[in-house]
C-alpha atoms as a PDB file:
ATOM      1  CA  UNK A   1      59.094 152.729  71.603  1.00  0.00           C
ATOM      2  CA  UNK A   2      57.610 153.051  74.441  1.00  0.00           C
ATOM      3  CA  UNK A   3      59.824 155.978  77.366  1.00  0.00           C
ATOM      4  CA  UNK A   4      62.257 158.776  76.107  1.00  0.00           C
ATOM      5  CA  UNK A   5      65.074 157.235  77.182  1.00  0.00           C
ATOM      6  CA  UNK A   6      63.706 155.108  73.214  1.00  0.00           C
ATOM      7  CA  UNK A   7      63.892 158.324  71.966  1.00  0.00           C
ATOM      8  CA  UNK A   8      67.768 159.000  73.385  1.00  0.00           C
ATOM      9  CA  UNK A   9      68.394 155.642  71.484  1.00  0.00           C
ATOM     10  CA  UNK A  10      66.508 157.174  68.446  1.00  0.00           C
ATOM     11  CA  UNK A  11      69.149 160.624  68.776  1.00  0.00           C
ATOM     12  CA  UNK A  12      72.602 158.133  69.320  1.00  0.00           C
ATOM     13  CA  UNK A  13      71.741 155.616  66.125  1.00  0.00           C
ATOM     14  CA  UNK A  14      71.235 159.103  63.998  1.00  0.00           C
ATOM     15  CA  UNK A  15      74.524 160.424  65.420  1.00  0.00           C
ATOM     16  CA  UNK A  16      75.801 156.597  64.013  1.00  0.00           C
ATOM     17  CA  UNK A  17      74.550 156.558  60.941  1.00  0.00           C
ATOM     18  CA  UNK A  18      75.796 159.803  60.225  1.00  0.00           C
ATOM     19  CA  UNK A  19      79.106 159.239  60.484  1.00  0.00           C
ATOM     20  CA  UNK A  20      79.029 156.318  58.979  1.00  0.00           C
ATOM     21  CA  UNK A  21      78.074 158.404  55.697  1.00  0.00           C
ATOM     22  CA  UNK A  22      81.585 160.836  56.659  1.00  0.00           C
ATOM     23  CA  UNK A  23      80.067 163.064  58.789  1.00  0.00           C
ATOM     24  CA  UNK A  24      81.681 163.755  61.331  1.00  0.00           C
ATOM     25  CA  UNK A  25      82.074 165.723  64.592  1.00  0.00           C
ATOM     26  CA  UNK A  26      78.596 165.856  65.731  1.00  0.00           C
ATOM     27  CA  UNK A  27      77.629 167.806  68.466  1.00  0.00           C
ATOM     28  CA  UNK A  28      73.271 167.247  69.339  1.00  0.00           C
ATOM     29  CA  UNK A  29      71.137 165.668  67.380  1.00  0.00           C
ATOM     30  CA  UNK A  30      67.741 166.014  68.104  1.00  0.00           C
ATOM     31  CA  UNK A  31      64.336 164.899  67.567  1.00  0.00           C
ATOM     32  CA  UNK A  32      60.421 166.129  67.535  1.00  0.00           C
ATOM     33  CA  UNK A  33      57.957 164.059  66.860  1.00  0.00           C
ATOM     34  CA  UNK A  34      54.753 166.576  66.535  1.00  0.00           C
ATOM     35  CA  UNK A  35      51.185 165.507  67.467  1.00  0.00           C
ATOM     36  CA  UNK A  36      48.547 167.510  66.071  1.00  0.00           C
ATOM     37  CA  UNK A  37      45.031 166.114  67.650  1.00  0.00           C
ATOM     38  CA  UNK A  38      46.966 166.141  70.888  1.00  0.00           C
ATOM     39  CA  UNK A  39      48.604 169.876  69.752  1.00  0.00           C
ATOM     40  CA  UNK A  40      51.860 167.930  71.121  1.00  0.00           C
ATOM     41  CA  UNK A  41      55.523 168.245  70.147  1.00  0.00           C
ATOM     42  CA  UNK A  42      57.449 166.112  72.046  1.00  0.00           C
ATOM     43  CA  UNK A  43      61.800 167.652  71.420  1.00  0.00           C
ATOM     44  CA  UNK A  44      64.387 165.417  72.079  1.00  0.00           C
ATOM     45  CA  UNK A  45      67.917 166.938  71.931  1.00  0.00           C
ATOM     46  CA  UNK A  46      71.213 164.838  72.826  1.00  0.00           C
ATOM     47  CA  UNK A  47      74.459 166.079  73.022  1.00  0.00           C
ATOM     48  CA  UNK A  48      76.845 163.541  71.920  1.00  0.00           C
ATOM     49  CA  UNK A  49      80.359 164.140  73.301  1.00  0.00           C
ATOM     50  CA  UNK A  50      78.459 164.567  77.172  1.00  0.00           C
ATOM     51  CA  UNK A  51      75.226 162.635  76.054  1.00  0.00           C
ATOM     52  CA  UNK A  52      73.646 164.395  78.140  1.00  0.00           C
ATOM     53  CA  UNK A  53      69.846 164.694  77.544  1.00  0.00           C
ATOM     54  CA  UNK A  54      68.193 167.651  77.463  1.00  0.00           C
END
C-alpha cells in the first residue's frame, strides 16, 4: 500500500469478503492504522452504498 486510495480498496475487499460470508446490508467499513512511534492514526471510512470516502 502506497496511497490512501489503496486503503479504499482494502475496505472494499473487507466488504466483499463479509458478503461472501453471508453478512449483508453493510453500510460502511472503517480501518485504522496506528503508528505509535509517529503518534499517528490513519483512519479510512468508506460508505459502501454511495462509495464515498470520509
